[in-house]
């Protein structure tokens, strides 16, 4: 979605740019709902904190994905189990 390889002579295709915008908004809404429900820190109700948390979560998942794609060694776990652990650790960082 964000690879420079997607850029054409007129920049990033509109569909790709829109997908990124929708994905970021969805992630922010999930974090906002978690904060309202008391699952995540209420600090995520502040716009700057919410944007930083979304960037952190996205960076974590993106980094994990790129490492898997590159075929770097992973612990002796199935990729799905490892992904679950990565997401759980990231989510704990947003708790109170």
N, C-alpha and C. Protein backbone atom coordinates (compact mmCIF):
# COMPACT_ATOMS: atom_id res chain seq x y z
N UNK A 1 0.81 -1.19 0.00
CA UNK A 1 0.00 0.00 0.00
C UNK A 1 0.86 1.27 0.00
N UNK A 2 2.03 1.20 0.62
CA UNK A 2 2.84 2.40 0.74
C UNK A 2 4.17 2.31 0.05
N UNK A 3 4.39 1.24 -0.68
CA UNK A 3 5.65 1.06 -1.38
C UNK A 3 5.83 2.13 -2.46
N UNK A 4 7.04 2.61 -2.57
CA UNK A 4 7.35 3.57 -3.63
C UNK A 4 7.14 2.94 -5.00
N UNK A 5 7.17 1.61 -5.06
CA UNK A 5 6.97 0.91 -6.33
C UNK A 5 5.57 1.17 -6.89
N UNK A 6 4.64 1.59 -6.04
CA UNK A 6 3.28 1.86 -6.50
C UNK A 6 3.14 3.23 -7.15
N UNK A 7 4.14 4.08 -6.97
CA UNK A 7 4.07 5.42 -7.54
C UNK A 7 4.26 5.37 -9.05
N UNK A 8 3.37 6.02 -9.75
CA UNK A 8 3.48 6.12 -11.20
C UNK A 8 3.92 7.52 -11.57
N UNK A 9 3.86 7.83 -12.83
CA UNK A 9 4.27 9.17 -13.28
C UNK A 9 3.45 10.28 -12.66
N UNK A 10 2.22 9.96 -12.26
CA UNK A 10 1.34 10.96 -11.65
C UNK A 10 1.24 10.78 -10.14
N UNK A 11 2.21 10.09 -9.55
CA UNK A 11 2.19 9.86 -8.10
C UNK A 11 1.46 8.57 -7.77
N UNK A 12 1.01 8.48 -6.55
CA UNK A 12 0.33 7.28 -6.05
C UNK A 12 -1.08 7.22 -6.65
N UNK A 13 -1.48 6.04 -7.13
CA UNK A 13 -2.85 5.92 -7.65
C UNK A 13 -3.88 6.29 -6.59
N UNK A 14 -4.94 6.95 -7.01
CA UNK A 14 -5.96 7.43 -6.09
C UNK A 14 -6.57 6.29 -5.27
N UNK A 15 -6.79 5.15 -5.87
CA UNK A 15 -7.37 4.01 -5.13
C UNK A 15 -6.46 3.57 -4.01
N UNK A 16 -5.16 3.59 -4.23
CA UNK A 16 -4.20 3.19 -3.20
C UNK A 16 -4.17 4.22 -2.08
N UNK A 17 -4.13 5.50 -2.45
CA UNK A 17 -4.14 6.56 -1.44
C UNK A 17 -5.41 6.50 -0.60
N UNK A 18 -6.54 6.27 -1.26
CA UNK A 18 -7.81 6.17 -0.53
C UNK A 18 -7.82 4.97 0.41
N UNK A 19 -7.26 3.87 -0.03
CA UNK A 19 -7.21 2.67 0.83
C UNK A 19 -6.40 2.96 2.09
N UNK A 20 -5.32 3.67 1.96
CA UNK A 20 -4.52 4.04 3.12
C UNK A 20 -5.27 4.94 4.08
N UNK A 21 -5.99 5.90 3.54
CA UNK A 21 -6.78 6.81 4.37
C UNK A 21 -7.88 6.07 5.12
N UNK A 22 -8.57 5.17 4.43
CA UNK A 22 -9.64 4.40 5.07
C UNK A 22 -9.07 3.47 6.14
N UNK A 23 -7.95 2.85 5.84
CA UNK A 23 -7.34 1.93 6.80
C UNK A 23 -6.91 2.67 8.06
N UNK A 24 -6.27 3.82 7.91
CA UNK A 24 -5.85 4.61 9.07
C UNK A 24 -7.06 5.05 9.89
N UNK A 25 -8.11 5.50 9.22
CA UNK A 25 -9.32 5.94 9.94
C UNK A 25 -9.95 4.77 10.69
N UNK A 26 -9.94 3.59 10.10
CA UNK A 26 -10.51 2.41 10.76
C UNK A 26 -9.71 2.06 12.01
N UNK A 27 -8.39 2.06 11.88
CA UNK A 27 -7.53 1.77 13.03
C UNK A 27 -7.74 2.79 14.14
N UNK A 28 -7.80 4.06 13.79
CA UNK A 28 -8.03 5.10 14.80
C UNK A 28 -9.38 4.90 15.48
N UNK A 29 -10.40 4.51 14.73
CA UNK A 29 -11.72 4.30 15.32
C UNK A 29 -11.70 3.11 16.29
N UNK A 30 -10.99 2.05 15.94
CA UNK A 30 -10.86 0.90 16.85
C UNK A 30 -10.19 1.33 18.14
N UNK A 31 -9.12 2.09 18.05
CA UNK A 31 -8.42 2.55 19.25
C UNK A 31 -9.29 3.51 20.06
N UNK A 32 -10.01 4.39 19.38
CA UNK A 32 -10.90 5.34 20.06
C UNK A 32 -12.00 4.59 20.82
N UNK A 33 -12.60 3.60 20.18
CA UNK A 33 -13.64 2.80 20.85
C UNK A 33 -13.06 2.07 22.05
N UNK A 34 -11.85 1.55 21.90
CA UNK A 34 -11.20 0.87 23.02
C UNK A 34 -10.98 1.81 24.19
N UNK A 35 -10.61 3.06 23.89
CA UNK A 35 -10.40 4.05 24.94
C UNK A 35 -11.72 4.40 25.62
N UNK A 36 -12.77 4.57 24.83
CA UNK A 36 -14.09 4.89 25.40
C UNK A 36 -14.62 3.76 26.26
N UNK A 37 -14.30 2.53 25.87
CA UNK A 37 -14.78 1.36 26.62
C UNK A 37 -13.91 1.05 27.83
N UNK A 38 -12.81 1.76 27.98
CA UNK A 38 -11.93 1.53 29.12
C UNK A 38 -10.93 0.40 28.91
N UNK A 39 -10.87 -0.13 27.70
CA UNK A 39 -9.90 -1.18 27.39
C UNK A 39 -8.52 -0.57 27.21
N UNK A 40 -8.47 0.57 26.55
CA UNK A 40 -7.22 1.30 26.34
C UNK A 40 -7.25 2.58 27.16
N UNK A 41 -6.10 3.17 27.31
CA UNK A 41 -5.96 4.40 28.08
C UNK A 41 -6.87 5.50 27.53
N UNK A 42 -7.46 6.26 28.43
CA UNK A 42 -8.31 7.38 28.01
C UNK A 42 -7.50 8.47 27.32
N UNK A 43 -6.17 8.42 27.44
CA UNK A 43 -5.34 9.40 26.74
C UNK A 43 -5.51 9.29 25.22
N UNK A 44 -5.97 8.12 24.75
CA UNK A 44 -6.18 7.95 23.31
C UNK A 44 -7.38 8.73 22.80
N UNK A 45 -8.12 9.36 23.69
CA UNK A 45 -9.22 10.22 23.27
C UNK A 45 -8.71 11.58 22.82
N UNK A 46 -7.45 11.87 23.12
CA UNK A 46 -6.82 13.10 22.61
C UNK A 46 -6.28 12.81 21.22
N UNK A 47 -6.55 13.70 20.27
CA UNK A 47 -6.20 13.48 18.87
C UNK A 47 -4.72 13.14 18.68
N UNK A 48 -3.84 13.87 19.35
CA UNK A 48 -2.40 13.62 19.16
C UNK A 48 -2.00 12.24 19.67
N UNK A 49 -2.56 11.84 20.79
CA UNK A 49 -2.25 10.52 21.34
C UNK A 49 -2.83 9.41 20.47
N UNK A 50 -4.03 9.63 19.97
CA UNK A 50 -4.67 8.65 19.09
C UNK A 50 -3.85 8.45 17.83
N UNK A 51 -3.42 9.54 17.21
CA UNK A 51 -2.63 9.43 15.98
C UNK A 51 -1.30 8.73 16.24
N UNK A 52 -0.67 9.03 17.37
CA UNK A 52 0.60 8.38 17.71
C UNK A 52 0.40 6.89 17.96
N UNK A 53 -0.70 6.52 18.63
CA UNK A 53 -0.98 5.11 18.90
C UNK A 53 -1.27 4.36 17.60
N UNK A 54 -2.03 4.97 16.72
CA UNK A 54 -2.33 4.33 15.44
C UNK A 54 -1.05 4.13 14.63
N UNK A 55 -0.19 5.13 14.64
CA UNK A 55 1.09 5.01 13.93
C UNK A 55 1.94 3.90 14.53
N UNK A 56 1.93 3.81 15.85
CA UNK A 56 2.69 2.76 16.54
C UNK A 56 2.15 1.39 16.18
N UNK A 57 0.84 1.22 16.24
CA UNK A 57 0.25 -0.08 15.92
C UNK A 57 0.52 -0.46 14.47
N UNK A 58 0.34 0.49 13.58
CA UNK A 58 0.54 0.22 12.15
C UNK A 58 2.01 -0.12 11.89
N UNK A 59 2.90 0.62 12.50
CA UNK A 59 4.34 0.36 12.32
C UNK A 59 4.72 -1.03 12.82
N UNK A 60 4.15 -1.43 13.93
CA UNK A 60 4.44 -2.75 14.50
C UNK A 60 3.99 -3.85 13.55
N UNK A 61 2.76 -3.76 13.08
CA UNK A 61 2.23 -4.79 12.19
C UNK A 61 2.96 -4.76 10.84
N UNK A 62 3.25 -3.57 10.35
CA UNK A 62 3.98 -3.46 9.07
C UNK A 62 5.37 -4.06 9.20
N UNK A 63 6.06 -3.75 10.28
CA UNK A 63 7.39 -4.31 10.50
C UNK A 63 7.35 -5.82 10.59
N UNK A 64 6.40 -6.35 11.33
CA UNK A 64 6.24 -7.81 11.44
C UNK A 64 6.02 -8.41 10.06
N UNK A 65 5.11 -7.82 9.30
CA UNK A 65 4.79 -8.33 7.97
C UNK A 65 6.00 -8.32 7.06
N UNK A 66 6.75 -7.24 7.08
CA UNK A 66 7.93 -7.15 6.21
C UNK A 66 8.98 -8.19 6.61
N UNK A 67 9.16 -8.41 7.90
CA UNK A 67 10.13 -9.42 8.35
C UNK A 67 9.71 -10.80 7.87
N UNK A 68 8.43 -11.10 7.95
CA UNK A 68 7.94 -12.40 7.48
C UNK A 68 8.12 -12.52 5.97
N UNK A 69 7.76 -11.47 5.23
CA UNK A 69 7.90 -11.49 3.78
C UNK A 69 9.36 -11.70 3.37
N UNK A 70 10.27 -11.06 4.10
CA UNK A 70 11.69 -11.18 3.79
C UNK A 70 12.27 -12.53 4.19
N UNK A 71 11.47 -13.33 4.88
CA UNK A 71 11.91 -14.67 5.24
C UNK A 71 12.91 -14.72 6.39
N UNK A 72 12.90 -13.68 7.23
CA UNK A 72 13.82 -13.69 8.37
C UNK A 72 13.39 -14.76 9.36
N UNK A 73 14.34 -15.32 10.06
CA UNK A 73 14.00 -16.40 11.00
C UNK A 73 12.99 -15.92 12.04
N UNK A 74 12.05 -16.78 12.35
CA UNK A 74 11.06 -16.49 13.39
C UNK A 74 11.18 -17.54 14.47
N UNK A 75 10.71 -17.21 15.68
CA UNK A 75 10.72 -18.22 16.74
C UNK A 75 9.95 -19.46 16.27
N UNK A 76 10.08 -20.52 16.99
CA UNK A 76 9.42 -21.78 16.61
C UNK A 76 7.92 -21.72 16.86
N UNK A 77 7.26 -20.82 16.16
CA UNK A 77 5.81 -20.67 16.24
C UNK A 77 5.26 -20.54 14.83
N UNK A 78 4.03 -20.96 14.65
CA UNK A 78 3.37 -20.72 13.37
C UNK A 78 3.23 -19.21 13.20
N UNK A 79 3.25 -18.74 11.98
CA UNK A 79 3.15 -17.30 11.72
C UNK A 79 1.89 -16.72 12.35
N UNK A 80 0.77 -17.42 12.28
CA UNK A 80 -0.48 -16.91 12.86
C UNK A 80 -0.34 -16.75 14.38
N UNK A 81 0.31 -17.70 15.03
CA UNK A 81 0.50 -17.61 16.48
C UNK A 81 1.45 -16.46 16.83
N UNK A 82 2.47 -16.30 16.04
CA UNK A 82 3.42 -15.21 16.27
C UNK A 82 2.74 -13.86 16.03
N UNK A 83 1.93 -13.77 14.98
CA UNK A 83 1.19 -12.54 14.71
C UNK A 83 0.27 -12.19 15.87
N UNK A 84 -0.39 -13.19 16.41
CA UNK A 84 -1.27 -12.98 17.57
C UNK A 84 -0.49 -12.40 18.74
N UNK A 85 0.68 -12.93 19.01
CA UNK A 85 1.51 -12.43 20.11
C UNK A 85 1.96 -10.99 19.87
N UNK A 86 2.35 -10.69 18.63
CA UNK A 86 2.79 -9.33 18.29
C UNK A 86 1.66 -8.33 18.53
N UNK A 87 0.47 -8.68 18.07
CA UNK A 87 -0.68 -7.78 18.23
C UNK A 87 -1.04 -7.63 19.71
N UNK A 88 -1.00 -8.72 20.47
CA UNK A 88 -1.31 -8.64 21.90
C UNK A 88 -0.32 -7.73 22.64
N UNK A 89 0.94 -7.83 22.32
CA UNK A 89 1.95 -6.97 22.96
C UNK A 89 1.69 -5.51 22.59
N UNK A 90 1.39 -5.26 21.33
CA UNK A 90 1.10 -3.89 20.90
C UNK A 90 -0.12 -3.35 21.63
N UNK A 91 -1.18 -4.15 21.73
CA UNK A 91 -2.40 -3.70 22.41
C UNK A 91 -2.15 -3.41 23.89
N UNK A 92 -1.32 -4.22 24.53
CA UNK A 92 -1.02 -3.95 25.95
C UNK A 92 -0.38 -2.58 26.14
N UNK A 93 0.36 -2.13 25.14
CA UNK A 93 1.02 -0.83 25.28
C UNK A 93 0.01 0.31 25.29
N UNK A 94 -1.22 0.08 24.85
CA UNK A 94 -2.23 1.12 24.84
C UNK A 94 -3.12 1.11 26.07
N UNK A 95 -2.93 0.11 26.92
CA UNK A 95 -3.74 0.02 28.12
C UNK A 95 -3.30 1.05 29.15
N UNK A 96 -4.09 1.19 30.16
CA UNK A 96 -3.79 2.16 31.23
C UNK A 96 -2.50 1.85 31.92
